[in-house]
Amino acid sequence: MMPIRNSAKAIIIHNESLLLTKNKDDQGYFYLFPGGGQEKGEELKHAVKRECMEEAGCEVEVEDLLFIREYIGKNHEFAEWDKEVHQVEFYFRCILENKDTPASIGENPDENQVGVEWVELSRLDEIRLYPNALGEKIKRGNYSPCYLGDSN
């Protein structure tokens, strides 16, 4: 049995757009929030800063924790590959330290990552975003801290 994994994610909004990693699989493009696994001995805020550099090539200032979500692989569309995965995701509001630096793929992108993209908040329902439930909250401007459970 695999251990439960912590993941630190960034919610970066600038000029009514959300910074996301662009990924590709056999169904086409999908988008994720920048972030990833917490390393042993690393605080979550440090993990999200490191992951933003690795995936999006940008330095961020980490602010408040906004959302906590669980991902229990066996309950989702990728159960075929992720059935043993149980991840707790911590979503932090982040601000770009240098707003003039264009986001670009970092030095250590995820396996399926093909780029980084600013997506207008008004277009979030037009893309394949994971988790979609979080995209809905952000689009509506609902930033009240909350526990999302095992949501899609």
Protein backbone atom coordinates (compact mmCIF):
# COMPACT_ATOMS: atom_id res chain seq x y z
CA MET A 1 0.00 0.00 0.00
CA MET A 2 1.31 3.41 -0.97
CA PRO A 3 1.52 6.13 1.69
CA ILE A 4 -0.69 9.20 1.54
CA ARG A 5 1.18 11.96 -0.28
CA ASN A 6 1.01 15.72 0.37
CA SER A 7 1.01 18.08 -2.59
CA ALA A 8 1.37 21.88 -2.53
CA LYS A 9 -0.32 23.81 -5.36
CA ALA A 10 -0.38 27.46 -6.45
CA ILE A 11 -3.35 29.60 -7.39
CA ILE A 12 -1.81 32.50 -9.32
CA ILE A 13 -4.24 35.08 -10.72
CA HIS A 14 -3.08 38.16 -12.62
CA ASN A 15 -5.14 40.42 -14.90
CA GLU A 16 -8.22 38.16 -14.65
CA SER A 17 -6.21 35.13 -15.81
CA LEU A 18 -5.05 32.00 -14.01
CA LEU A 19 -1.57 30.54 -14.50
CA LEU A 20 -1.78 26.81 -15.27
CA THR A 21 0.51 24.12 -16.56
CA LYS A 22 -0.53 22.78 -19.96
CA ASN A 23 -0.28 19.01 -20.31
CA LYS A 24 -1.05 16.51 -23.03
CA ASP A 25 -2.35 12.95 -23.02
CA ASP A 26 -4.04 10.71 -25.59
CA GLN A 27 -7.30 12.69 -25.15
CA GLY A 28 -5.65 16.05 -25.88
CA TYR A 29 -4.67 18.96 -23.67
CA PHE A 30 -5.48 19.28 -19.99
CA TYR A 31 -4.51 21.87 -17.39
CA LEU A 32 -3.27 21.64 -13.83
CA PHE A 33 -2.39 24.09 -11.10
CA PRO A 34 1.39 24.47 -10.73
CA GLY A 35 2.65 22.42 -7.83
CA GLY A 36 3.60 19.00 -6.67
CA GLY A 37 4.78 16.69 -3.97
CA GLN A 38 6.11 17.83 -0.65
CA GLU A 39 9.55 16.46 0.17
CA LYS A 40 10.48 15.09 3.58
CA GLY A 41 11.53 17.94 5.87
CA GLU A 42 10.07 20.60 3.55
CA GLU A 43 7.30 23.00 4.60
CA LEU A 44 4.32 23.17 2.26
CA LYS A 45 5.02 26.85 1.46
CA HIS A 46 8.57 25.96 0.40
CA ALA A 47 7.25 23.08 -1.70
CA VAL A 48 4.90 25.35 -3.66
CA LYS A 49 7.69 27.89 -4.27
CA ARG A 50 10.03 25.14 -5.53
CA GLU A 51 7.36 23.57 -7.71
CA CYS A 52 6.45 26.91 -9.32
CA MET A 53 10.09 27.35 -10.35
CA GLU A 54 10.34 23.76 -11.61
CA GLU A 55 7.11 23.75 -13.62
CA ALA A 56 6.40 27.39 -14.52
CA GLY A 57 9.80 29.07 -14.27
CA CYS A 58 8.46 31.74 -11.93
CA GLU A 59 9.18 32.90 -8.42
CA VAL A 60 6.15 33.40 -6.23
CA GLU A 61 5.28 34.88 -2.89
CA VAL A 62 3.13 32.33 -1.06
CA GLU A 63 0.14 33.76 0.78
CA ASP A 64 -2.85 32.11 2.46
CA LEU A 65 -3.97 28.51 2.23
CA LEU A 66 -7.29 28.61 0.35
CA PHE A 67 -8.37 25.04 -0.34
CA ILE A 68 -7.63 21.49 0.73
CA ARG A 69 -8.62 18.68 -1.60
CA GLU A 70 -8.16 14.96 -1.44
CA TYR A 71 -7.55 12.88 -4.53
CA ILE A 72 -8.36 9.22 -4.05
CA GLY A 73 -7.40 7.69 -7.38
CA LYS A 74 -9.79 4.75 -7.39
CA ASN A 75 -12.75 7.19 -7.41
CA HIS A 76 -11.73 9.14 -10.52
CA GLU A 77 -11.56 8.79 -14.28
CA PHE A 78 -7.88 7.80 -14.15
CA ALA A 79 -8.52 4.89 -11.76
CA GLU A 80 -6.90 2.52 -14.23
CA TRP A 81 -3.51 4.17 -13.54
CA ASP A 82 -4.08 5.91 -10.19
CA LYS A 83 -6.06 3.35 -8.19
CA GLU A 84 -3.40 3.20 -5.45
CA VAL A 85 -2.91 6.98 -5.23
CA HIS A 86 -4.20 8.95 -2.25
CA GLN A 87 -3.02 12.54 -2.24
CA VAL A 88 -3.90 15.51 -0.04
CA GLU A 89 -3.55 18.76 -2.00
CA PHE A 90 -3.02 22.14 -0.36
CA TYR A 91 -3.87 25.11 -2.61
CA PHE A 92 -2.21 28.41 -1.71
CA ARG A 93 -2.91 31.89 -3.09
CA CYS A 94 0.37 33.02 -4.67
CA ILE A 95 1.58 36.24 -6.26
CA LEU A 96 4.27 36.50 -8.92
CA GLU A 97 7.35 38.17 -7.47
CA ASN A 98 8.14 39.75 -10.86
CA LYS A 99 4.95 40.38 -12.83
CA ASP A 100 6.99 41.35 -15.92
CA THR A 101 8.63 37.94 -16.24
CA PRO A 102 6.67 35.81 -18.69
CA ALA A 103 5.85 32.37 -17.37
CA SER A 104 7.51 29.59 -19.31
CA ILE A 105 8.18 25.94 -18.74
CA GLY A 106 10.61 25.50 -15.85
CA GLU A 107 13.71 23.34 -15.53
CA ASN A 108 11.89 20.29 -14.16
CA PRO A 109 8.41 20.00 -15.71
CA ASP A 110 6.03 17.12 -15.09
CA GLU A 111 6.12 14.15 -17.44
CA ASN A 112 3.07 15.17 -19.52
CA GLN A 113 3.69 18.91 -19.30
CA VAL A 114 4.09 20.70 -22.64
CA GLY A 115 3.86 24.31 -21.50
CA VAL A 116 2.51 26.98 -19.19
CA GLU A 117 -0.47 29.14 -20.07
CA TRP A 118 -2.42 32.07 -18.71
CA VAL A 119 -6.10 31.14 -19.04
CA GLU A 120 -8.75 33.83 -18.69
CA LEU A 121 -11.04 33.16 -15.73
CA SER A 122 -14.04 33.48 -18.05
CA ARG A 123 -12.71 30.53 -20.12
CA LEU A 124 -12.11 28.04 -17.31
CA ASP A 125 -15.20 26.02 -18.22
CA GLU A 126 -13.92 25.68 -21.82
CA ILE A 127 -10.79 23.71 -20.90
CA ARG A 128 -10.12 20.33 -19.31
CA LEU A 129 -9.00 21.52 -15.87
CA TYR A 130 -8.19 19.30 -12.91
CA PRO A 131 -9.73 19.62 -10.42
CA ASN A 132 -12.70 21.11 -12.23
CA ALA A 133 -14.55 21.86 -8.98
CA LEU A 134 -11.78 24.25 -7.98
CA GLY A 135 -11.95 26.02 -11.34
CA GLU A 136 -15.66 26.63 -10.73
CA LYS A 137 -14.97 28.20 -7.32
CA ILE A 138 -12.25 30.44 -8.74
CA LYS A 139 -14.37 31.52 -11.70
CA ARG A 140 -17.15 32.56 -9.28
CA GLY A 141 -14.64 34.43 -7.11
CA ASN A 142 -15.27 32.10 -4.16
CA TYR A 143 -12.01 32.21 -2.24
CA SER A 144 -13.34 31.30 1.18
CA PRO A 145 -11.02 28.67 2.64
CA CYS A 146 -12.65 25.28 2.52
CA TYR A 147 -12.16 21.54 2.44
CA LEU A 148 -13.21 20.15 -0.96
CA GLY A 149 -13.03 16.46 -0.08
CA ASP A 150 -12.48 13.92 -2.87
CA SER A 151 -13.84 16.12 -5.66
CA ASN A 152 -13.44 16.10 -9.43
